[in-house]
């Protein structure tokens, strides 16, 4: 009898949690679309700076404790990322990044910021020919003191 009672209580609790989570999803749909638009705006600003080789602006989009995980290059940080940008700018590289339209998903991270998952294409000229590749990424955006900055990057599927 006691076991049946606990089973019923567990089922009721699970149903209540399911309904609560369902209600939270539907009531936050508007804020999620606003968050999506904000992160897409930040993504555009970040990579406009990258494509224009604006190193001063580019570095403003990252936290000083940045962790950048790359499936080929391993774990690097803020200095490595900014130095890569400086080297790319100094070499007059035509490396360009474009977000693949419709590939981004954005999820809120409560009390922190947002997670952006997507796919982007990088193109450059190699041996006189355009060379492009599409790769997957995750950006963890931190919202702090009224500013969005990327604190973690996962770049994969190279």
N, C-alpha and C. Protein backbone atom coordinates (compact mmCIF):
# COMPACT_ATOMS: atom_id res chain seq x y z
N UNK A 1 0.81 -1.19 0.00
CA UNK A 1 0.00 0.00 0.00
C UNK A 1 0.86 1.26 0.00
N UNK A 2 1.87 1.25 0.86
CA UNK A 2 2.77 2.40 0.96
C UNK A 2 3.49 2.62 -0.37
N UNK A 3 3.89 1.53 -0.99
CA UNK A 3 4.60 1.60 -2.27
C UNK A 3 3.70 2.17 -3.37
N UNK A 4 2.45 1.77 -3.42
CA UNK A 4 1.49 2.28 -4.40
C UNK A 4 1.27 3.77 -4.20
N UNK A 5 1.19 4.19 -2.93
CA UNK A 5 1.02 5.61 -2.62
C UNK A 5 2.21 6.42 -3.13
N UNK A 6 3.44 5.95 -2.89
CA UNK A 6 4.65 6.64 -3.36
C UNK A 6 4.69 6.69 -4.88
N UNK A 7 4.27 5.64 -5.54
CA UNK A 7 4.23 5.62 -7.00
C UNK A 7 3.27 6.68 -7.53
N UNK A 8 2.09 6.76 -6.92
CA UNK A 8 1.10 7.76 -7.34
C UNK A 8 1.65 9.17 -7.11
N UNK A 9 2.25 9.43 -5.97
CA UNK A 9 2.82 10.74 -5.66
C UNK A 9 3.92 11.08 -6.68
N UNK A 10 4.77 10.12 -7.02
CA UNK A 10 5.84 10.34 -8.00
C UNK A 10 5.26 10.69 -9.36
N UNK A 11 4.24 9.98 -9.79
CA UNK A 11 3.62 10.25 -11.09
C UNK A 11 3.01 11.65 -11.10
N UNK A 12 2.32 12.03 -10.02
CA UNK A 12 1.72 13.37 -9.94
C UNK A 12 2.80 14.44 -9.98
N UNK A 13 3.89 14.24 -9.25
CA UNK A 13 4.99 15.21 -9.22
C UNK A 13 5.61 15.35 -10.60
N UNK A 14 5.82 14.24 -11.29
CA UNK A 14 6.40 14.29 -12.64
C UNK A 14 5.48 15.00 -13.61
N UNK A 15 4.19 14.74 -13.52
CA UNK A 15 3.22 15.42 -14.40
C UNK A 15 3.21 16.91 -14.12
N UNK A 16 3.29 17.29 -12.86
CA UNK A 16 3.31 18.71 -12.51
C UNK A 16 4.56 19.39 -13.05
N UNK A 17 5.72 18.72 -12.92
CA UNK A 17 6.96 19.30 -13.45
C UNK A 17 6.90 19.43 -14.96
N UNK A 18 6.34 18.42 -15.65
CA UNK A 18 6.20 18.48 -17.10
C UNK A 18 5.33 19.67 -17.50
N UNK A 19 4.20 19.83 -16.83
CA UNK A 19 3.30 20.94 -17.15
C UNK A 19 3.94 22.28 -16.84
N UNK A 20 4.70 22.38 -15.76
CA UNK A 20 5.39 23.60 -15.41
C UNK A 20 6.43 23.95 -16.46
N UNK A 21 7.22 22.96 -16.88
CA UNK A 21 8.24 23.24 -17.89
C UNK A 21 7.60 23.62 -19.22
N UNK A 22 6.48 23.00 -19.55
CA UNK A 22 5.75 23.32 -20.77
C UNK A 22 5.23 24.77 -20.71
N UNK A 23 4.73 25.18 -19.55
CA UNK A 23 4.24 26.54 -19.37
C UNK A 23 5.37 27.54 -19.48
N UNK A 24 6.55 27.21 -18.92
CA UNK A 24 7.69 28.12 -19.00
C UNK A 24 8.15 28.29 -20.44
N UNK A 25 8.13 27.23 -21.21
CA UNK A 25 8.53 27.33 -22.62
C UNK A 25 7.58 28.25 -23.37
N UNK A 26 6.28 28.06 -23.21
CA UNK A 26 5.34 28.86 -23.98
C UNK A 26 5.32 30.31 -23.53
N UNK A 27 5.47 30.59 -22.21
CA UNK A 27 5.44 31.97 -21.76
C UNK A 27 6.73 32.71 -22.07
N UNK A 28 7.82 32.00 -22.32
CA UNK A 28 9.08 32.69 -22.62
C UNK A 28 9.39 32.73 -24.11
N UNK A 29 8.46 32.32 -24.95
CA UNK A 29 8.71 32.29 -26.39
C UNK A 29 9.08 33.67 -26.93
N UNK A 30 8.38 34.70 -26.47
CA UNK A 30 8.68 36.04 -26.95
C UNK A 30 10.09 36.46 -26.53
N UNK A 31 10.44 36.23 -25.27
CA UNK A 31 11.76 36.62 -24.82
C UNK A 31 12.84 35.80 -25.52
N UNK A 32 12.55 34.54 -25.85
CA UNK A 32 13.53 33.74 -26.59
C UNK A 32 13.76 34.30 -27.98
N UNK A 33 12.71 34.80 -28.66
CA UNK A 33 12.92 35.38 -29.99
C UNK A 33 13.69 36.69 -29.87
N UNK A 34 13.45 37.44 -28.80
CA UNK A 34 14.23 38.67 -28.58
C UNK A 34 15.69 38.31 -28.31
N UNK A 35 15.92 37.28 -27.54
CA UNK A 35 17.28 36.82 -27.26
C UNK A 35 17.94 36.36 -28.55
N UNK A 36 17.23 35.59 -29.36
CA UNK A 36 17.76 35.14 -30.65
C UNK A 36 18.19 36.34 -31.50
N UNK A 37 17.33 37.33 -31.61
CA UNK A 37 17.65 38.52 -32.42
C UNK A 37 18.85 39.26 -31.87
N UNK A 38 18.96 39.35 -30.55
CA UNK A 38 20.09 40.03 -29.93
C UNK A 38 21.40 39.29 -30.20
N UNK A 39 21.39 37.99 -30.06
CA UNK A 39 22.61 37.20 -30.30
C UNK A 39 22.98 37.23 -31.78
N UNK A 40 21.99 37.20 -32.66
CA UNK A 40 22.30 37.30 -34.09
C UNK A 40 22.92 38.67 -34.43
N UNK A 41 22.44 39.70 -33.75
CA UNK A 41 23.02 41.04 -33.94
C UNK A 41 24.47 41.06 -33.45
N UNK A 42 24.71 40.45 -32.29
CA UNK A 42 26.07 40.40 -31.75
C UNK A 42 26.99 39.58 -32.65
N UNK A 43 26.49 38.45 -33.17
CA UNK A 43 27.26 37.62 -34.09
C UNK A 43 27.66 38.43 -35.32
N UNK A 44 26.71 39.18 -35.85
CA UNK A 44 26.98 40.00 -37.04
C UNK A 44 28.03 41.07 -36.75
N UNK A 45 27.94 41.72 -35.61
CA UNK A 45 28.92 42.74 -35.25
C UNK A 45 30.30 42.13 -35.05
N UNK A 46 30.35 40.99 -34.37
CA UNK A 46 31.63 40.30 -34.13
C UNK A 46 32.33 39.98 -35.45
N UNK A 47 31.59 39.37 -36.37
CA UNK A 47 32.26 38.93 -37.59
C UNK A 47 32.37 40.02 -38.65
N UNK A 48 31.63 41.11 -38.51
CA UNK A 48 31.93 42.29 -39.33
C UNK A 48 33.30 42.83 -38.93
N UNK A 49 33.56 42.86 -37.62
CA UNK A 49 34.88 43.29 -37.14
C UNK A 49 35.96 42.33 -37.65
N UNK A 50 35.68 41.03 -37.60
CA UNK A 50 36.64 40.04 -38.11
C UNK A 50 36.90 40.24 -39.60
N UNK A 51 35.85 40.34 -40.39
CA UNK A 51 36.00 40.45 -41.84
C UNK A 51 36.65 41.76 -42.25
N UNK A 52 36.51 42.81 -41.44
CA UNK A 52 37.12 44.12 -41.73
C UNK A 52 38.49 44.26 -41.07
N UNK A 53 38.90 43.24 -40.31
CA UNK A 53 40.18 43.23 -39.60
C UNK A 53 40.29 44.35 -38.58
N UNK A 54 39.19 44.66 -37.92
CA UNK A 54 39.16 45.65 -36.86
C UNK A 54 39.52 44.95 -35.55
N UNK A 55 40.83 44.82 -35.32
CA UNK A 55 41.29 44.06 -34.16
C UNK A 55 40.86 44.67 -32.84
N UNK A 56 40.82 46.00 -32.75
CA UNK A 56 40.42 46.66 -31.51
C UNK A 56 38.97 46.31 -31.16
N UNK A 57 38.09 46.38 -32.14
CA UNK A 57 36.69 46.04 -31.90
C UNK A 57 36.51 44.54 -31.67
N UNK A 58 37.21 43.73 -32.47
CA UNK A 58 37.10 42.28 -32.37
C UNK A 58 37.36 41.79 -30.95
N UNK A 59 38.42 42.29 -30.33
CA UNK A 59 38.78 41.78 -29.01
C UNK A 59 37.78 42.17 -27.92
N UNK A 60 36.95 43.17 -28.19
CA UNK A 60 35.93 43.59 -27.23
C UNK A 60 34.79 42.57 -27.10
N UNK A 61 34.73 41.60 -27.99
CA UNK A 61 33.65 40.62 -27.98
C UNK A 61 33.98 39.37 -27.15
N UNK A 62 35.13 39.35 -26.51
CA UNK A 62 35.56 38.17 -25.76
C UNK A 62 35.92 38.53 -24.33
N UNK A 63 35.62 37.61 -23.41
CA UNK A 63 36.05 37.79 -22.02
C UNK A 63 37.54 37.48 -21.93
N UNK A 64 38.19 38.06 -20.94
CA UNK A 64 39.63 37.83 -20.76
C UNK A 64 39.91 36.37 -20.39
N UNK A 65 38.94 35.68 -19.79
CA UNK A 65 39.14 34.28 -19.42
C UNK A 65 38.60 33.32 -20.49
N UNK A 66 38.54 33.79 -21.73
CA UNK A 66 38.04 32.99 -22.85
C UNK A 66 38.71 31.61 -22.90
N UNK A 67 37.88 30.61 -23.13
CA UNK A 67 38.38 29.26 -23.43
C UNK A 67 37.88 28.91 -24.82
N UNK A 68 38.80 28.59 -25.72
CA UNK A 68 38.47 28.29 -27.10
C UNK A 68 38.90 26.85 -27.39
N UNK A 69 37.90 25.98 -27.55
CA UNK A 69 38.16 24.56 -27.80
C UNK A 69 38.00 24.30 -29.29
N UNK A 70 39.06 23.78 -29.91
CA UNK A 70 39.07 23.53 -31.36
C UNK A 70 39.43 22.07 -31.59
N UNK A 71 38.65 21.39 -32.42
CA UNK A 71 38.87 19.95 -32.61
C UNK A 71 40.19 19.63 -33.31
N UNK A 72 40.85 20.60 -33.89
CA UNK A 72 42.16 20.36 -34.50
C UNK A 72 43.28 21.06 -33.72
N UNK A 73 43.00 22.24 -33.18
CA UNK A 73 44.03 23.03 -32.52
C UNK A 73 44.08 22.92 -31.01
N UNK A 74 43.13 22.24 -30.40
CA UNK A 74 43.14 22.08 -28.96
C UNK A 74 42.53 23.27 -28.23
N UNK A 75 42.95 23.43 -26.98
CA UNK A 75 42.43 24.49 -26.13
C UNK A 75 43.36 25.69 -26.17
N UNK A 76 42.78 26.86 -26.48
CA UNK A 76 43.53 28.12 -26.45
C UNK A 76 42.68 29.14 -25.68
N UNK A 77 43.18 30.36 -25.62
CA UNK A 77 42.48 31.38 -24.85
C UNK A 77 42.42 32.72 -25.54
N UNK A 78 42.21 33.76 -24.74
CA UNK A 78 42.03 35.12 -25.23
C UNK A 78 43.22 35.59 -26.06
N UNK A 79 44.41 35.50 -25.49
CA UNK A 79 45.60 36.03 -26.19
C UNK A 79 45.82 35.34 -27.53
N UNK A 80 45.66 34.04 -27.57
CA UNK A 80 45.84 33.30 -28.82
C UNK A 80 44.83 33.76 -29.86
N UNK A 81 43.58 33.93 -29.45
CA UNK A 81 42.52 34.35 -30.38
C UNK A 81 42.80 35.74 -30.93
N UNK A 82 43.21 36.66 -30.07
CA UNK A 82 43.49 38.03 -30.51
C UNK A 82 44.76 38.06 -31.37
N UNK A 83 45.77 37.28 -31.01
CA UNK A 83 46.98 37.22 -31.83
C UNK A 83 46.69 36.64 -33.21
N UNK A 84 45.80 35.65 -33.29
CA UNK A 84 45.40 35.10 -34.58
C UNK A 84 44.78 36.21 -35.44
N UNK A 85 43.93 37.01 -34.83
CA UNK A 85 43.30 38.11 -35.56
C UNK A 85 44.34 39.12 -36.03
N UNK A 86 45.27 39.47 -35.17
CA UNK A 86 46.33 40.42 -35.55
C UNK A 86 47.18 39.87 -36.70
N UNK A 87 47.55 38.61 -36.62
CA UNK A 87 48.35 37.97 -37.66
C UNK A 87 47.59 37.95 -38.99
N UNK A 88 46.31 37.62 -38.93
CA UNK A 88 45.46 37.59 -40.12
C UNK A 88 45.39 38.98 -40.75
N UNK A 89 45.25 40.00 -39.91
CA UNK A 89 45.17 41.38 -40.42
C UNK A 89 46.50 41.82 -41.02
N UNK A 90 47.60 41.52 -40.36
CA UNK A 90 48.93 41.92 -40.84
C UNK A 90 49.30 41.23 -42.14
N UNK A 91 48.83 40.01 -42.32
CA UNK A 91 49.16 39.24 -43.53
C UNK A 91 48.28 39.63 -44.71
N UNK A 92 47.34 40.56 -44.49
CA UNK A 92 46.38 40.93 -45.53
C UNK A 92 45.65 39.71 -46.09
N UNK A 93 45.37 38.77 -45.22
CA UNK A 93 44.65 37.57 -45.62
C UNK A 93 43.24 37.94 -46.04
N UNK A 94 42.73 37.23 -47.02
CA UNK A 94 41.35 37.47 -47.45
C UNK A 94 40.38 36.52 -46.75
N UNK A 95 40.82 35.90 -45.64
CA UNK A 95 39.97 35.00 -44.88
C UNK A 95 38.69 35.72 -44.47
N UNK A 96 37.57 35.09 -44.75
CA UNK A 96 36.27 35.68 -44.46
C UNK A 96 35.38 34.64 -43.80
N UNK A 97 34.58 35.10 -42.84
CA UNK A 97 33.62 34.24 -42.15
C UNK A 97 32.22 34.72 -42.47
N UNK A 98 31.36 33.79 -42.83
CA UNK A 98 29.95 34.09 -43.05
C UNK A 98 29.13 33.03 -42.32
N UNK A 99 28.13 33.50 -41.59
CA UNK A 99 27.20 32.60 -40.92
C UNK A 99 26.33 31.94 -41.98
N UNK A 100 26.12 30.64 -41.86
CA UNK A 100 25.23 29.95 -42.79
C UNK A 100 23.80 30.23 -42.35
N UNK A 101 23.07 30.87 -43.24
CA UNK A 101 21.73 31.34 -42.92
C UNK A 101 20.84 30.19 -42.43
N UNK A 102 20.13 30.47 -41.37
CA UNK A 102 19.19 29.50 -40.82
C UNK A 102 19.82 28.42 -39.96
N UNK A 103 21.14 28.48 -39.76
CA UNK A 103 21.81 27.41 -39.02
C UNK A 103 21.88 27.66 -37.52
N UNK A 104 21.64 28.87 -37.09
CA UNK A 104 21.83 29.20 -35.67
C UNK A 104 20.62 28.86 -34.81
N UNK A 105 20.94 28.33 -33.64
CA UNK A 105 19.97 28.12 -32.58
C UNK A 105 20.50 28.88 -31.37
N UNK A 106 19.61 29.50 -30.62
CA UNK A 106 20.01 30.27 -29.44
C UNK A 106 19.16 29.80 -28.26
N UNK A 107 19.84 29.54 -27.15
CA UNK A 107 19.19 29.09 -25.94
C UNK A 107 19.63 29.96 -24.76
N UNK A 108 18.69 30.34 -23.92
CA UNK A 108 19.08 31.13 -22.74
C UNK A 108 19.85 30.27 -21.74
N UNK A 109 20.78 30.89 -21.05
CA UNK A 109 21.46 30.28 -19.92
C UNK A 109 21.11 31.16 -18.72
N UNK A 110 20.19 30.70 -17.88
CA UNK A 110 19.73 31.54 -16.77
C UNK A 110 20.88 32.08 -15.91
N UNK A 111 20.76 33.35 -15.57
CA UNK A 111 21.73 34.05 -14.72
C UNK A 111 23.13 34.09 -15.31
N UNK A 112 23.24 33.90 -16.62
CA UNK A 112 24.56 33.97 -17.27
C UNK A 112 24.49 34.67 -18.62
N UNK A 113 23.68 34.14 -19.55
CA UNK A 113 23.66 34.70 -20.89
C UNK A 113 22.93 33.80 -21.87
N UNK A 114 23.66 33.34 -22.88
CA UNK A 114 23.03 32.54 -23.93
C UNK A 114 24.05 31.62 -24.59
N UNK A 115 23.50 30.56 -25.20
CA UNK A 115 24.29 29.62 -25.97
C UNK A 115 23.86 29.72 -27.43
N UNK A 116 24.81 29.92 -28.31
CA UNK A 116 24.54 29.96 -29.76
C UNK A 116 25.20 28.74 -30.38
N UNK A 117 24.41 27.97 -31.11
CA UNK A 117 24.91 26.80 -31.83
C UNK A 117 24.64 27.06 -33.30
N UNK A 118 25.62 26.85 -34.15
CA UNK A 118 25.39 27.11 -35.56
C UNK A 118 26.47 26.55 -36.46
N UNK A 119 26.42 27.00 -37.67
CA UNK A 119 27.38 26.58 -38.68
C UNK A 119 27.80 27.83 -39.46
N UNK A 120 29.09 27.92 -39.71
CA UNK A 120 29.59 29.05 -40.48
C UNK A 120 30.58 28.58 -41.53
N UNK A 121 30.79 29.46 -42.50
CA UNK A 121 31.69 29.14 -43.60
C UNK A 121 32.86 30.12 -43.56
N UNK A 122 34.05 29.58 -43.70
CA UNK A 122 35.25 30.40 -43.83
C UNK A 122 35.80 30.18 -45.23
N UNK A 123 36.15 31.27 -45.90
CA UNK A 123 36.72 31.20 -47.25
C UNK A 123 38.00 32.03 -47.30
N UNK A 124 38.94 31.57 -48.08
CA UNK A 124 40.17 32.33 -48.36
C UNK A 124 40.72 31.84 -49.69
N UNK A 125 41.68 32.56 -50.21
CA UNK A 125 42.31 32.17 -51.47
C UNK A 125 43.57 31.35 -51.16
N UNK A 126 43.66 30.20 -51.81
CA UNK A 126 44.83 29.35 -51.64
C UNK A 126 45.26 28.87 -53.02
N UNK A 127 46.53 29.11 -53.35
CA UNK A 127 47.07 28.74 -54.67
C UNK A 127 46.22 29.30 -55.80
N UNK A 128 45.75 30.55 -55.62
CA UNK A 128 44.99 31.22 -56.66
C UNK A 128 43.53 30.79 -56.78
N UNK A 129 43.09 29.90 -55.91
CA UNK A 129 41.70 29.43 -55.95
C UNK A 129 41.01 29.71 -54.63
N UNK A 130 39.70 29.95 -54.71
CA UNK A 130 38.90 30.16 -53.51
C UNK A 130 38.73 28.81 -52.80
N UNK A 131 39.06 28.79 -51.52
CA UNK A 131 38.96 27.59 -50.71
C UNK A 131 38.01 27.89 -49.56
N UNK A 132 36.92 27.12 -49.45
CA UNK A 132 35.91 27.36 -48.42
C UNK A 132 35.63 26.08 -47.66
N UNK A 133 35.27 26.25 -46.42
CA UNK A 133 34.85 25.13 -45.60
C UNK A 133 33.77 25.57 -44.64
N UNK A 134 32.83 24.67 -44.39
CA UNK A 134 31.75 24.94 -43.44
C UNK A 134 32.00 24.14 -42.18
N UNK A 135 31.86 24.79 -41.04
CA UNK A 135 32.19 24.18 -39.76
C UNK A 135 31.12 24.50 -38.72
N UNK A 136 31.05 23.68 -37.70
CA UNK A 136 30.08 23.87 -36.62
C UNK A 136 30.73 24.59 -35.45
N UNK A 137 29.91 25.30 -34.68
CA UNK A 137 30.43 26.02 -33.54
C UNK A 137 29.38 26.14 -32.45
N UNK A 138 29.88 26.38 -31.24
CA UNK A 138 29.07 26.76 -30.09
C UNK A 138 29.74 27.99 -29.48
N UNK A 139 28.97 29.04 -29.29
CA UNK A 139 29.46 30.23 -28.58
C UNK A 139 28.64 30.37 -27.30
N UNK A 140 29.34 30.51 -26.20
CA UNK A 140 28.68 30.80 -24.92
C UNK A 140 28.85 32.30 -24.69
N UNK A 141 27.72 33.01 -24.76
CA UNK A 141 27.70 34.47 -24.60
C UNK A 141 27.37 34.80 -23.15
N UNK A 142 28.21 35.60 -22.53
CA UNK A 142 27.97 36.06 -21.16
C UNK A 142 27.42 37.48 -21.22
N UNK A 143 26.36 37.73 -20.48
CA UNK A 143 25.81 39.07 -20.38
C UNK A 143 26.16 39.62 -19.01
N UNK A 144 27.03 40.63 -19.02
CA UNK A 144 27.54 41.17 -17.76
C UNK A 144 27.74 42.67 -17.92
N UNK A 145 27.26 43.41 -16.94
CA UNK A 145 27.41 44.87 -16.94
C UNK A 145 26.90 45.50 -18.23
N UNK A 146 25.78 44.96 -18.74
CA UNK A 146 25.14 45.52 -19.92
C UNK A 146 25.81 45.19 -21.24
N UNK A 147 26.76 44.23 -21.24
CA UNK A 147 27.49 43.88 -22.47
C UNK A 147 27.46 42.38 -22.69
N UNK A 148 27.39 42.01 -23.96
CA UNK A 148 27.49 40.61 -24.37
C UNK A 148 28.93 40.33 -24.79
N UNK A 149 29.52 39.28 -24.24
CA UNK A 149 30.85 38.84 -24.64
C UNK A 149 30.88 37.31 -24.66
N UNK A 150 31.70 36.78 -25.53
CA UNK A 150 31.85 35.32 -25.62
C UNK A 150 32.89 34.88 -24.60
N UNK A 151 32.49 33.90 -23.78
CA UNK A 151 33.42 33.38 -22.76
C UNK A 151 33.94 31.99 -23.13
N UNK A 152 33.18 31.26 -23.96
CA UNK A 152 33.60 29.93 -24.38
C UNK A 152 33.25 29.74 -25.84
N UNK A 153 34.16 29.08 -26.56
CA UNK A 153 33.94 28.73 -27.96
C UNK A 153 34.27 27.26 -28.12
N UNK A 154 33.41 26.55 -28.83
CA UNK A 154 33.71 25.18 -29.25
C UNK A 154 33.59 25.19 -30.77
N UNK A 155 34.68 24.89 -31.44
CA UNK A 155 34.72 24.88 -32.90
C UNK A 155 35.06 23.48 -33.35
N UNK A 156 34.18 22.88 -34.18
CA UNK A 156 34.36 21.46 -34.49
C UNK A 156 33.84 21.11 -35.88
N UNK A 157 34.07 19.86 -36.25
CA UNK A 157 33.67 19.29 -37.54
C UNK A 157 34.51 19.85 -38.68
N UNK A 158 35.81 19.98 -38.41
CA UNK A 158 36.75 20.49 -39.43
C UNK A 158 37.25 19.34 -40.30
